């Protein structure tokens, strides 16, 4: 069972909402909830699940089963994330709602993602989380550190990297450039902030 991260100083557990969150969104969910004063406990799941989307529905189900007795309400801060509707079937059976969108990128910047893919279908997206964790979440997770020749197989159809930046800094810019170079792709930056996620969270928790 994953220990919750308390993000507001007041309220009992029964007064709070338990949110099962994608590991790539959890820190943003926590930050937004703290700033807005929402009584939310964030229960993050490992972000590496994005590389094994078939495991996401069962992981979410297991976490919901573990935390639900402690909360009057629970919610899920995931998009579909490549589960092909399997996550929604789990959530429908549990009568639990999630964030809208096919991917976490949709959650953070739906319109920007659509425009980027229409302009250049071979777009690979990064978020602040993926920029920070690129070595662990992409390179090591995909085995590129051990088999660098796999890069061309995995990324042959991509033509650029777009960093959907929430809180860009010079350090993150350097890391994003290094990530794009490691993939052999050019980097473009779009500053999208957290407003898309914040609006979705507000709707989810209302």
N, C-alpha and C. Protein backbone atom coordinates (compact mmCIF):
# COMPACT_ATOMS: atom_id res chain seq x y z
N UNK A 1 0.85 -1.18 0.00
CA UNK A 1 0.00 0.00 0.00
C UNK A 1 0.88 1.24 0.00
N UNK A 2 0.56 2.21 -0.82
CA UNK A 2 1.39 3.40 -0.98
C UNK A 2 0.97 4.45 0.04
N UNK A 3 1.93 4.99 0.78
CA UNK A 3 1.63 6.00 1.78
C UNK A 3 1.20 7.29 1.10
N UNK A 4 0.09 7.90 1.54
CA UNK A 4 -0.37 9.13 0.90
C UNK A 4 0.51 10.32 1.22
N UNK A 5 0.54 11.25 0.28
CA UNK A 5 1.23 12.52 0.50
C UNK A 5 0.17 13.54 0.89
N UNK A 6 0.22 14.04 2.12
CA UNK A 6 -0.77 15.02 2.57
C UNK A 6 -0.45 16.37 1.94
N UNK A 7 -1.46 17.00 1.35
CA UNK A 7 -1.20 18.24 0.64
C UNK A 7 -2.01 19.40 1.17
N UNK A 8 -2.77 19.23 2.25
CA UNK A 8 -3.45 20.34 2.89
C UNK A 8 -3.40 20.10 4.39
N UNK A 9 -3.26 21.15 5.19
CA UNK A 9 -2.99 20.94 6.61
C UNK A 9 -4.21 20.60 7.44
N UNK A 10 -5.41 20.77 6.91
CA UNK A 10 -6.60 20.58 7.72
C UNK A 10 -7.46 19.47 7.17
N UNK A 11 -8.42 19.01 8.00
CA UNK A 11 -9.38 18.01 7.54
C UNK A 11 -8.99 16.61 7.95
N UNK A 12 -9.96 15.82 8.33
CA UNK A 12 -9.70 14.43 8.64
C UNK A 12 -9.66 13.62 7.37
N UNK A 13 -9.21 12.38 7.47
CA UNK A 13 -9.13 11.53 6.28
C UNK A 13 -10.48 11.39 5.61
N UNK A 14 -11.55 11.24 6.41
CA UNK A 14 -12.88 11.08 5.83
C UNK A 14 -13.37 12.36 5.16
N UNK A 15 -12.73 13.48 5.47
CA UNK A 15 -13.09 14.74 4.83
C UNK A 15 -12.28 14.97 3.55
N UNK A 16 -11.36 14.07 3.26
CA UNK A 16 -10.43 14.28 2.17
C UNK A 16 -10.77 13.39 0.97
N UNK A 17 -10.18 13.72 -0.14
CA UNK A 17 -10.34 12.92 -1.36
C UNK A 17 -9.04 12.16 -1.60
N UNK A 18 -9.13 10.85 -1.79
CA UNK A 18 -7.97 10.06 -2.14
C UNK A 18 -7.82 10.00 -3.64
N UNK A 19 -6.70 10.46 -4.14
CA UNK A 19 -6.46 10.51 -5.59
C UNK A 19 -5.33 9.56 -5.96
N UNK A 20 -5.65 8.55 -6.75
CA UNK A 20 -4.64 7.67 -7.32
C UNK A 20 -4.07 8.37 -8.55
N UNK A 21 -2.78 8.66 -8.52
CA UNK A 21 -2.21 9.53 -9.55
C UNK A 21 -1.11 8.83 -10.33
N UNK A 22 -1.08 9.11 -11.61
CA UNK A 22 0.04 8.73 -12.46
C UNK A 22 1.31 9.35 -11.87
N UNK A 23 2.37 8.57 -11.80
CA UNK A 23 3.60 9.08 -11.23
C UNK A 23 4.15 10.29 -11.96
N UNK A 24 3.83 10.42 -13.25
CA UNK A 24 4.30 11.56 -14.01
C UNK A 24 3.51 12.83 -13.72
N UNK A 25 2.33 12.70 -13.10
CA UNK A 25 1.49 13.85 -12.78
C UNK A 25 1.41 14.13 -11.29
N UNK A 26 1.87 13.21 -10.47
CA UNK A 26 1.60 13.27 -9.04
C UNK A 26 2.11 14.56 -8.40
N UNK A 27 3.33 14.99 -8.73
CA UNK A 27 3.87 16.19 -8.12
C UNK A 27 3.07 17.42 -8.51
N UNK A 28 2.59 17.45 -9.76
CA UNK A 28 1.76 18.57 -10.20
C UNK A 28 0.41 18.55 -9.49
N UNK A 29 -0.16 17.37 -9.34
CA UNK A 29 -1.43 17.25 -8.61
C UNK A 29 -1.25 17.73 -7.18
N UNK A 30 -0.16 17.34 -6.57
CA UNK A 30 0.12 17.77 -5.20
C UNK A 30 0.29 19.28 -5.12
N UNK A 31 1.09 19.85 -6.03
CA UNK A 31 1.36 21.28 -6.00
C UNK A 31 0.09 22.10 -6.20
N UNK A 32 -0.71 21.71 -7.18
CA UNK A 32 -1.96 22.44 -7.46
C UNK A 32 -2.92 22.33 -6.27
N UNK A 33 -3.05 21.13 -5.72
CA UNK A 33 -3.97 20.92 -4.60
C UNK A 33 -3.55 21.73 -3.39
N UNK A 34 -2.24 21.79 -3.14
CA UNK A 34 -1.74 22.57 -2.02
C UNK A 34 -2.03 24.05 -2.22
N UNK A 35 -1.77 24.53 -3.43
CA UNK A 35 -2.00 25.96 -3.71
C UNK A 35 -3.47 26.32 -3.62
N UNK A 36 -4.34 25.41 -4.05
CA UNK A 36 -5.78 25.68 -4.04
C UNK A 36 -6.44 25.35 -2.70
N UNK A 37 -5.70 24.73 -1.80
CA UNK A 37 -6.26 24.40 -0.51
C UNK A 37 -7.23 23.24 -0.53
N UNK A 38 -7.09 22.37 -1.51
CA UNK A 38 -7.98 21.20 -1.61
C UNK A 38 -7.52 20.13 -0.62
N UNK A 39 -8.49 19.47 0.00
CA UNK A 39 -8.19 18.38 0.93
C UNK A 39 -7.98 17.09 0.15
N UNK A 40 -6.77 16.90 -0.31
CA UNK A 40 -6.45 15.79 -1.21
C UNK A 40 -5.24 15.02 -0.68
N UNK A 41 -5.32 13.72 -0.71
CA UNK A 41 -4.17 12.85 -0.49
C UNK A 41 -3.81 12.21 -1.82
N UNK A 42 -2.55 12.36 -2.23
CA UNK A 42 -2.10 11.84 -3.51
C UNK A 42 -1.42 10.49 -3.30
N UNK A 43 -1.88 9.49 -4.03
CA UNK A 43 -1.32 8.14 -3.97
C UNK A 43 -0.69 7.84 -5.34
N UNK A 44 0.62 8.12 -5.50
CA UNK A 44 1.24 7.96 -6.82
C UNK A 44 1.54 6.51 -7.15
N UNK A 45 1.36 6.17 -8.41
CA UNK A 45 1.79 4.88 -8.93
C UNK A 45 3.07 5.08 -9.74
N UNK A 46 3.88 4.05 -9.90
CA UNK A 46 5.17 4.21 -10.59
C UNK A 46 5.02 4.73 -12.01
N UNK A 47 5.74 5.77 -12.38
CA UNK A 47 5.65 6.30 -13.74
C UNK A 47 6.10 5.32 -14.81
N UNK A 48 6.91 4.32 -14.42
CA UNK A 48 7.39 3.34 -15.40
C UNK A 48 6.22 2.54 -15.99
N UNK A 49 5.05 2.58 -15.35
CA UNK A 49 3.88 1.90 -15.90
C UNK A 49 3.54 2.41 -17.30
N UNK A 50 3.97 3.62 -17.62
CA UNK A 50 3.70 4.14 -18.96
C UNK A 50 4.37 3.30 -20.04
N UNK A 51 5.43 2.61 -19.67
CA UNK A 51 6.07 1.72 -20.63
C UNK A 51 5.46 0.33 -20.63
N UNK A 52 4.52 0.10 -19.69
CA UNK A 52 3.80 -1.17 -19.63
C UNK A 52 2.32 -0.88 -19.38
N UNK A 53 1.66 -0.22 -20.34
CA UNK A 53 0.28 0.25 -20.11
C UNK A 53 -0.71 -0.87 -19.80
N UNK A 54 -0.39 -2.09 -20.23
CA UNK A 54 -1.29 -3.19 -19.90
C UNK A 54 -1.40 -3.46 -18.42
N UNK A 55 -0.42 -2.97 -17.65
CA UNK A 55 -0.43 -3.18 -16.20
C UNK A 55 -1.13 -2.05 -15.44
N UNK A 56 -1.46 -0.96 -16.14
CA UNK A 56 -2.05 0.19 -15.45
C UNK A 56 -3.41 -0.12 -14.84
N UNK A 57 -4.35 -0.75 -15.56
CA UNK A 57 -5.67 -0.97 -14.96
C UNK A 57 -5.62 -1.75 -13.66
N UNK A 58 -4.85 -2.82 -13.61
CA UNK A 58 -4.79 -3.62 -12.39
C UNK A 58 -4.08 -2.87 -11.27
N UNK A 59 -3.06 -2.08 -11.61
CA UNK A 59 -2.37 -1.29 -10.59
C UNK A 59 -3.30 -0.25 -9.99
N UNK A 60 -4.10 0.39 -10.83
CA UNK A 60 -5.07 1.37 -10.34
C UNK A 60 -6.13 0.69 -9.50
N UNK A 61 -6.64 -0.45 -9.98
CA UNK A 61 -7.65 -1.19 -9.23
C UNK A 61 -7.14 -1.58 -7.84
N UNK A 62 -5.92 -2.06 -7.78
CA UNK A 62 -5.35 -2.50 -6.52
C UNK A 62 -5.21 -1.33 -5.54
N UNK A 63 -4.74 -0.19 -6.05
CA UNK A 63 -4.57 0.98 -5.20
C UNK A 63 -5.92 1.50 -4.72
N UNK A 64 -6.91 1.54 -5.60
CA UNK A 64 -8.25 1.96 -5.21
C UNK A 64 -8.81 1.07 -4.11
N UNK A 65 -8.65 -0.24 -4.27
CA UNK A 65 -9.15 -1.18 -3.26
C UNK A 65 -8.48 -0.93 -1.91
N UNK A 66 -7.18 -0.57 -1.95
CA UNK A 66 -6.44 -0.37 -0.71
C UNK A 66 -6.85 0.90 0.02
N UNK A 67 -7.12 1.97 -0.73
CA UNK A 67 -7.36 3.26 -0.08
C UNK A 67 -8.83 3.58 0.13
N UNK A 68 -9.71 2.96 -0.62
CA UNK A 68 -11.11 3.38 -0.63
C UNK A 68 -11.77 3.35 0.75
N UNK A 69 -11.49 2.36 1.59
CA UNK A 69 -12.15 2.36 2.90
C UNK A 69 -11.86 3.59 3.75
N UNK A 70 -10.80 4.33 3.42
CA UNK A 70 -10.40 5.47 4.24
C UNK A 70 -10.99 6.78 3.79
N UNK A 71 -11.66 6.79 2.63
CA UNK A 71 -12.13 8.05 2.07
C UNK A 71 -13.60 7.99 1.71
N UNK A 72 -14.26 9.13 1.87
CA UNK A 72 -15.63 9.23 1.38
C UNK A 72 -15.65 9.28 -0.14
N UNK A 73 -14.57 9.84 -0.74
CA UNK A 73 -14.49 9.96 -2.19
C UNK A 73 -13.09 9.62 -2.65
N UNK A 74 -13.00 8.99 -3.82
CA UNK A 74 -11.72 8.74 -4.48
C UNK A 74 -11.83 9.16 -5.93
N UNK A 75 -10.69 9.42 -6.54
CA UNK A 75 -10.63 9.81 -7.95
C UNK A 75 -9.30 9.33 -8.51
N UNK A 76 -9.18 9.39 -9.83
CA UNK A 76 -7.98 8.87 -10.50
C UNK A 76 -7.40 9.94 -11.42
N UNK A 77 -6.16 10.32 -11.17
CA UNK A 77 -5.46 11.31 -11.99
C UNK A 77 -4.60 10.60 -13.02
N UNK A 78 -5.28 9.89 -13.90
CA UNK A 78 -4.68 9.24 -15.07
C UNK A 78 -5.50 9.65 -16.29
N UNK A 79 -4.85 9.69 -17.44
CA UNK A 79 -5.58 9.65 -18.70
C UNK A 79 -5.75 8.16 -19.07
N UNK A 80 -6.16 7.87 -20.28
CA UNK A 80 -6.24 6.46 -20.68
C UNK A 80 -4.84 5.83 -20.71
N UNK A 81 -3.86 6.60 -21.13
CA UNK A 81 -2.44 6.21 -21.04
C UNK A 81 -2.13 4.89 -21.75
N UNK A 82 -2.77 4.67 -22.89
CA UNK A 82 -2.43 3.51 -23.70
C UNK A 82 -3.10 2.22 -23.28
N UNK A 83 -4.10 2.29 -22.41
CA UNK A 83 -4.76 1.06 -21.97
C UNK A 83 -5.86 0.60 -22.91
N UNK A 84 -6.15 1.38 -23.93
CA UNK A 84 -7.16 0.99 -24.91
C UNK A 84 -8.56 0.83 -24.33
N UNK A 85 -8.88 1.64 -23.32
CA UNK A 85 -10.19 1.58 -22.70
C UNK A 85 -10.28 0.64 -21.52
N UNK A 86 -9.24 -0.16 -21.27
CA UNK A 86 -9.28 -1.10 -20.14
C UNK A 86 -9.33 -0.37 -18.80
N UNK A 87 -8.65 0.76 -18.70
CA UNK A 87 -8.72 1.52 -17.46
C UNK A 87 -10.13 2.02 -17.21
N UNK A 88 -10.79 2.50 -18.25
CA UNK A 88 -12.16 2.98 -18.09
C UNK A 88 -13.10 1.87 -17.66
N UNK A 89 -12.88 0.66 -18.14
CA UNK A 89 -13.73 -0.45 -17.72
C UNK A 89 -13.56 -0.74 -16.23
N UNK A 90 -12.33 -0.64 -15.74
CA UNK A 90 -12.09 -0.80 -14.31
C UNK A 90 -12.78 0.30 -13.52
N UNK A 91 -12.66 1.54 -14.00
CA UNK A 91 -13.22 2.67 -13.26
C UNK A 91 -14.74 2.70 -13.33
N UNK A 92 -15.30 2.30 -14.47
CA UNK A 92 -16.76 2.23 -14.57
C UNK A 92 -17.32 1.23 -13.56
N UNK A 93 -16.65 0.09 -13.43
CA UNK A 93 -17.11 -0.92 -12.48
C UNK A 93 -17.00 -0.43 -11.04
N UNK A 94 -16.03 0.44 -10.78
CA UNK A 94 -15.83 0.97 -9.44
C UNK A 94 -16.57 2.28 -9.20
N UNK A 95 -17.20 2.82 -10.26
CA UNK A 95 -17.89 4.12 -10.19
C UNK A 95 -16.93 5.22 -9.74
N UNK A 96 -15.78 5.25 -10.39
CA UNK A 96 -14.75 6.24 -10.10
C UNK A 96 -14.42 6.98 -11.39
N UNK A 97 -14.14 8.27 -11.29
CA UNK A 97 -13.85 9.09 -12.47
C UNK A 97 -12.36 9.38 -12.57
N UNK A 98 -11.93 9.66 -13.79
CA UNK A 98 -10.53 9.99 -14.06
C UNK A 98 -10.44 11.29 -14.82
N UNK A 99 -9.20 11.75 -15.06
CA UNK A 99 -8.96 12.89 -15.92
C UNK A 99 -9.31 12.53 -17.36
N UNK A 100 -9.66 13.53 -18.15
CA UNK A 100 -10.02 13.29 -19.53
C UNK A 100 -8.79 13.35 -20.44
N UNK A 101 -8.81 12.52 -21.47
CA UNK A 101 -7.72 12.54 -22.43
C UNK A 101 -7.14 11.17 -22.67
N UNK A 102 -6.47 11.03 -23.80
CA UNK A 102 -5.84 9.76 -24.14
C UNK A 102 -4.48 9.59 -23.46
N UNK A 103 -3.78 10.70 -23.23
CA UNK A 103 -2.44 10.65 -22.66
C UNK A 103 -2.29 11.75 -21.61
N UNK A 104 -1.24 11.65 -20.83
CA UNK A 104 -0.94 12.73 -19.88
C UNK A 104 -0.66 14.04 -20.61
N UNK A 105 -0.15 13.94 -21.82
CA UNK A 105 0.09 15.16 -22.60
C UNK A 105 -1.22 15.87 -22.89
N UNK A 106 -2.27 15.11 -23.19
CA UNK A 106 -3.59 15.71 -23.40
C UNK A 106 -4.06 16.44 -22.14
N UNK A 107 -3.80 15.85 -20.99
CA UNK A 107 -4.22 16.46 -19.73
C UNK A 107 -3.53 17.80 -19.52
N UNK A 108 -2.25 17.86 -19.83
CA UNK A 108 -1.48 19.07 -19.59
C UNK A 108 -1.69 20.12 -20.68
N UNK A 109 -1.90 19.69 -21.91
CA UNK A 109 -1.93 20.65 -23.02
C UNK A 109 -2.65 20.06 -24.22
N UNK A 110 -3.96 19.82 -24.07
CA UNK A 110 -4.71 19.13 -25.12
C UNK A 110 -4.60 19.82 -26.47
N UNK A 111 -4.85 21.11 -26.52
CA UNK A 111 -4.87 21.81 -27.81
C UNK A 111 -3.48 21.90 -28.42
N UNK A 112 -2.48 22.13 -27.58
CA UNK A 112 -1.11 22.20 -28.10
C UNK A 112 -0.67 20.86 -28.66
N UNK A 113 -1.07 19.77 -28.01
CA UNK A 113 -0.71 18.44 -28.48
C UNK A 113 -1.37 18.15 -29.82
N UNK A 114 -2.64 18.46 -29.93
CA UNK A 114 -3.35 18.23 -31.19
C UNK A 114 -2.72 19.04 -32.32
N UNK A 115 -2.42 20.30 -32.04
CA UNK A 115 -1.83 21.14 -33.08
C UNK A 115 -0.46 20.62 -33.49
N UNK A 116 0.33 20.17 -32.51
CA UNK A 116 1.67 19.67 -32.81
C UNK A 116 1.61 18.41 -33.66
N UNK A 117 0.67 17.51 -33.35
CA UNK A 117 0.56 16.27 -34.11
C UNK A 117 -0.01 16.50 -35.50
N UNK A 118 -0.90 17.48 -35.63
CA UNK A 118 -1.41 17.81 -36.97
C UNK A 118 -0.30 18.41 -37.83
N UNK A 119 0.54 19.24 -37.23
CA UNK A 119 1.62 19.87 -37.99
C UNK A 119 2.73 18.89 -38.31
N UNK A 120 3.00 17.97 -37.37
CA UNK A 120 4.10 17.02 -37.54
C UNK A 120 3.77 15.75 -36.76
N UNK A 121 3.18 14.76 -37.43
CA UNK A 121 2.75 13.55 -36.72
C UNK A 121 3.87 12.84 -35.97
N UNK A 122 5.10 12.97 -36.43
CA UNK A 122 6.21 12.29 -35.77
C UNK A 122 6.77 13.11 -34.62
N UNK A 123 5.91 13.55 -33.72
CA UNK A 123 6.33 14.37 -32.58
C UNK A 123 6.41 13.52 -31.32
N UNK A 124 7.54 13.57 -30.65
CA UNK A 124 7.73 12.89 -29.38
C UNK A 124 7.67 13.95 -28.29
N UNK A 125 6.81 13.74 -27.28
CA UNK A 125 6.58 14.76 -26.26
C UNK A 125 7.37 14.46 -24.99
N UNK A 126 7.85 15.52 -24.38
CA UNK A 126 8.42 15.47 -23.05
C UNK A 126 7.66 16.44 -22.15
N UNK A 127 7.56 16.10 -20.87
CA UNK A 127 7.07 17.01 -19.85
C UNK A 127 8.21 17.32 -18.90
N UNK A 128 7.98 18.19 -17.95
CA UNK A 128 9.04 18.48 -16.97
C UNK A 128 9.48 17.21 -16.27
N UNK A 129 8.50 16.37 -15.91
CA UNK A 129 8.84 15.12 -15.23
C UNK A 129 9.73 14.25 -16.11
N UNK A 130 9.39 14.09 -17.37
CA UNK A 130 10.17 13.24 -18.26
C UNK A 130 11.55 13.84 -18.54
N UNK A 131 11.62 15.15 -18.57
CA UNK A 131 12.94 15.77 -18.74
C UNK A 131 13.83 15.44 -17.55
N UNK A 132 13.26 15.58 -16.35
CA UNK A 132 14.05 15.30 -15.14
C UNK A 132 14.45 13.83 -15.04
N UNK A 133 13.54 12.95 -15.45
CA UNK A 133 13.75 11.51 -15.23
C UNK A 133 14.10 10.78 -16.51
N UNK A 134 14.55 11.49 -17.53
CA UNK A 134 14.74 10.89 -18.85
C UNK A 134 15.64 9.67 -18.81
N UNK A 135 16.73 9.76 -18.09
CA UNK A 135 17.68 8.64 -18.04
C UNK A 135 16.99 7.39 -17.48
N UNK A 136 16.23 7.58 -16.40
CA UNK A 136 15.57 6.44 -15.76
C UNK A 136 14.31 6.00 -16.52
N UNK A 137 13.47 6.97 -16.88
CA UNK A 137 12.15 6.65 -17.43
C UNK A 137 12.20 6.23 -18.89
N UNK A 138 13.19 6.71 -19.62
CA UNK A 138 13.26 6.40 -21.06
C UNK A 138 14.49 5.54 -21.37
N UNK A 139 15.67 6.04 -21.07
CA UNK A 139 16.89 5.35 -21.49
C UNK A 139 17.00 3.97 -20.85
N UNK A 140 16.99 3.93 -19.51
CA UNK A 140 17.15 2.64 -18.83
C UNK A 140 15.90 1.77 -18.96
N UNK A 141 14.74 2.40 -18.90
CA UNK A 141 13.50 1.63 -18.98
C UNK A 141 13.36 0.91 -20.31
N UNK A 142 13.81 1.56 -21.39
CA UNK A 142 13.74 0.95 -22.73
C UNK A 142 14.98 0.14 -23.07
N UNK A 143 15.95 0.11 -22.17
CA UNK A 143 17.16 -0.67 -22.42
C UNK A 143 18.15 0.00 -23.34
N UNK A 144 18.00 1.31 -23.57
CA UNK A 144 18.90 1.99 -24.50
C UNK A 144 20.31 2.13 -23.95
N UNK A 145 20.44 2.06 -22.62
CA UNK A 145 21.78 2.12 -22.04
C UNK A 145 22.57 0.85 -22.33
N UNK A 146 21.85 -0.27 -22.45
CA UNK A 146 22.50 -1.55 -22.71
C UNK A 146 22.55 -1.89 -24.20
N UNK A 147 21.53 -1.44 -24.92
CA UNK A 147 21.43 -1.75 -26.35
C UNK A 147 21.12 -0.46 -27.12
N UNK A 148 22.10 0.41 -27.25
CA UNK A 148 21.85 1.72 -27.89
C UNK A 148 21.35 1.60 -29.32
N UNK A 149 21.62 0.48 -29.95
CA UNK A 149 21.15 0.31 -31.33
C UNK A 149 19.63 0.27 -31.42
N UNK A 150 18.97 0.02 -30.28
CA UNK A 150 17.50 -0.01 -30.28
C UNK A 150 16.89 1.37 -30.50
N UNK A 151 17.67 2.40 -30.28
CA UNK A 151 17.13 3.75 -30.43
C UNK A 151 16.50 3.96 -31.80
N UNK A 152 17.21 3.54 -32.84
CA UNK A 152 16.70 3.77 -34.19
C UNK A 152 15.45 2.95 -34.47
N UNK A 153 15.33 1.80 -33.80
CA UNK A 153 14.11 0.99 -33.97
C UNK A 153 12.93 1.64 -33.27
N UNK A 154 13.16 2.12 -32.05
CA UNK A 154 12.07 2.72 -31.27
C UNK A 154 11.63 4.06 -31.82
N UNK A 155 12.58 4.85 -32.32
CA UNK A 155 12.29 6.25 -32.62
C UNK A 155 12.44 6.58 -34.11
N UNK A 156 12.44 5.58 -34.95
CA UNK A 156 12.68 5.83 -36.37
C UNK A 156 11.61 6.68 -37.02
N UNK A 157 10.38 6.64 -36.48
CA UNK A 157 9.28 7.39 -37.09
C UNK A 157 9.09 8.77 -36.47
N UNK A 158 9.91 9.11 -35.50
CA UNK A 158 9.81 10.44 -34.90
C UNK A 158 10.73 11.43 -35.61
N UNK A 159 10.27 12.67 -35.67
CA UNK A 159 11.03 13.70 -36.38
C UNK A 159 11.45 14.86 -35.49
N UNK A 160 10.83 14.98 -34.33
CA UNK A 160 11.19 16.05 -33.41
C UNK A 160 10.74 15.72 -32.00
N UNK A 161 11.31 16.45 -31.04
CA UNK A 161 10.88 16.40 -29.64
C UNK A 161 10.24 17.74 -29.30
N UNK A 162 9.07 17.70 -28.71
CA UNK A 162 8.43 18.91 -28.19
C UNK A 162 8.35 18.79 -26.68
N UNK A 163 9.02 19.70 -26.02
CA UNK A 163 8.95 19.76 -24.56
C UNK A 163 7.78 20.63 -24.16
N UNK A 164 6.76 20.01 -23.55
CA UNK A 164 5.61 20.73 -23.01
C UNK A 164 6.00 21.19 -21.61
N UNK A 165 6.51 22.38 -21.52
CA UNK A 165 7.14 22.84 -20.28
C UNK A 165 6.10 23.40 -19.32
N UNK A 166 6.13 22.90 -18.09
CA UNK A 166 5.27 23.46 -17.06
C UNK A 166 5.98 24.59 -16.31
N UNK A 167 7.19 24.34 -15.85
CA UNK A 167 7.96 25.35 -15.13
C UNK A 167 9.40 25.32 -15.65
N UNK A 168 9.62 25.90 -16.81
CA UNK A 168 10.95 25.80 -17.43
C UNK A 168 12.01 26.58 -16.66
N UNK A 169 13.18 25.98 -16.59
CA UNK A 169 14.35 26.62 -15.99
C UNK A 169 15.53 26.37 -16.93
N UNK A 170 16.61 27.12 -16.79
CA UNK A 170 17.79 26.86 -17.61
C UNK A 170 18.29 25.43 -17.45
N UNK A 171 18.26 24.90 -16.23
CA UNK A 171 18.72 23.53 -16.01
C UNK A 171 17.85 22.53 -16.77
N UNK A 172 16.52 22.72 -16.72
CA UNK A 172 15.64 21.81 -17.44
C UNK A 172 15.82 21.95 -18.95
N UNK A 173 16.07 23.17 -19.39
CA UNK A 173 16.32 23.37 -20.83
C UNK A 173 17.54 22.56 -21.27
N UNK A 174 18.60 22.59 -20.47
CA UNK A 174 19.79 21.81 -20.81
C UNK A 174 19.47 20.32 -20.84
N UNK A 175 18.69 19.86 -19.88
CA UNK A 175 18.34 18.45 -19.84
C UNK A 175 17.46 18.06 -21.03
N UNK A 176 16.54 18.95 -21.40
CA UNK A 176 15.68 18.68 -22.55
C UNK A 176 16.51 18.60 -23.83
N UNK A 177 17.47 19.49 -23.96
CA UNK A 177 18.34 19.46 -25.14
C UNK A 177 19.15 18.17 -25.18
N UNK A 178 19.63 17.73 -24.01
CA UNK A 178 20.39 16.48 -23.95
C UNK A 178 19.51 15.29 -24.29
N UNK A 179 18.26 15.31 -23.85
CA UNK A 179 17.34 14.21 -24.16
C UNK A 179 17.07 14.14 -25.65
N UNK A 180 16.82 15.30 -26.26
CA UNK A 180 16.57 15.31 -27.70
C UNK A 180 17.80 14.84 -28.48
N UNK A 181 18.97 15.27 -28.03
CA UNK A 181 20.20 14.84 -28.70
C UNK A 181 20.38 13.33 -28.57
N UNK A 182 20.04 12.78 -27.39
CA UNK A 182 20.17 11.34 -27.19
C UNK A 182 19.26 10.56 -28.12
N UNK A 183 18.13 11.17 -28.49
CA UNK A 183 17.19 10.52 -29.42
C UNK A 183 17.50 10.84 -30.87
N UNK A 184 18.45 11.73 -31.09
CA UNK A 184 18.79 12.12 -32.46
C UNK A 184 17.74 12.98 -33.11
N UNK A 185 17.02 13.77 -32.30
CA UNK A 185 15.92 14.59 -32.80
C UNK A 185 16.14 16.04 -32.42
N UNK A 186 15.53 16.94 -33.16
CA UNK A 186 15.59 18.36 -32.81
C UNK A 186 14.58 18.66 -31.69
N UNK A 187 14.88 19.69 -30.93
CA UNK A 187 14.03 20.06 -29.80
C UNK A 187 13.27 21.34 -30.08
N UNK A 188 11.99 21.34 -29.75
CA UNK A 188 11.18 22.55 -29.72
C UNK A 188 10.53 22.65 -28.35
N UNK A 189 10.32 23.87 -27.88
CA UNK A 189 9.78 24.09 -26.54
C UNK A 189 8.46 24.85 -26.63
N UNK A 190 7.46 24.33 -25.94
CA UNK A 190 6.19 25.04 -25.79
C UNK A 190 5.90 25.16 -24.29
N UNK A 191 5.78 26.37 -23.80
CA UNK A 191 5.49 26.59 -22.39
C UNK A 191 3.98 26.52 -22.21
N UNK A 192 3.52 25.50 -21.49
CA UNK A 192 2.08 25.27 -21.34
C UNK A 192 1.60 25.44 -19.90
N UNK A 193 2.51 25.48 -18.93
CA UNK A 193 2.11 25.65 -17.55
C UNK A 193 1.31 24.47 -17.02
N UNK A 194 0.53 24.72 -15.96
CA UNK A 194 -0.27 23.68 -15.33
C UNK A 194 -1.77 23.95 -15.43
N UNK A 195 -2.16 24.96 -16.19
CA UNK A 195 -3.56 25.38 -16.19
C UNK A 195 -4.49 24.29 -16.72
N UNK A 196 -4.04 23.54 -17.73
CA UNK A 196 -4.88 22.48 -18.26
C UNK A 196 -5.17 21.41 -17.23
N UNK A 197 -4.13 20.99 -16.51
CA UNK A 197 -4.30 20.01 -15.46
C UNK A 197 -5.14 20.59 -14.32
N UNK A 198 -4.93 21.84 -13.98
CA UNK A 198 -5.66 22.44 -12.88
C UNK A 198 -7.16 22.48 -13.16
N UNK A 199 -7.54 22.84 -14.38
CA UNK A 199 -8.95 22.88 -14.75
C UNK A 199 -9.56 21.48 -14.69
N UNK A 200 -8.82 20.49 -15.16
CA UNK A 200 -9.32 19.12 -15.12
C UNK A 200 -9.45 18.62 -13.66
N UNK A 201 -8.48 18.94 -12.84
CA UNK A 201 -8.56 18.53 -11.44
C UNK A 201 -9.75 19.17 -10.74
N UNK A 202 -9.98 20.44 -11.04
CA UNK A 202 -11.10 21.13 -10.42
C UNK A 202 -12.41 20.46 -10.78
N UNK A 203 -12.55 20.09 -12.06
CA UNK A 203 -13.76 19.39 -12.49
C UNK A 203 -13.85 18.01 -11.86
N UNK A 204 -12.73 17.31 -11.77
CA UNK A 204 -12.71 15.96 -11.22
C UNK A 204 -13.09 15.94 -9.74
N UNK A 205 -12.64 16.95 -9.00
CA UNK A 205 -12.83 16.96 -7.56
C UNK A 205 -14.10 17.68 -7.13
N UNK A 206 -14.75 18.36 -8.06
CA UNK A 206 -15.94 19.14 -7.68
C UNK A 206 -17.12 18.22 -7.41
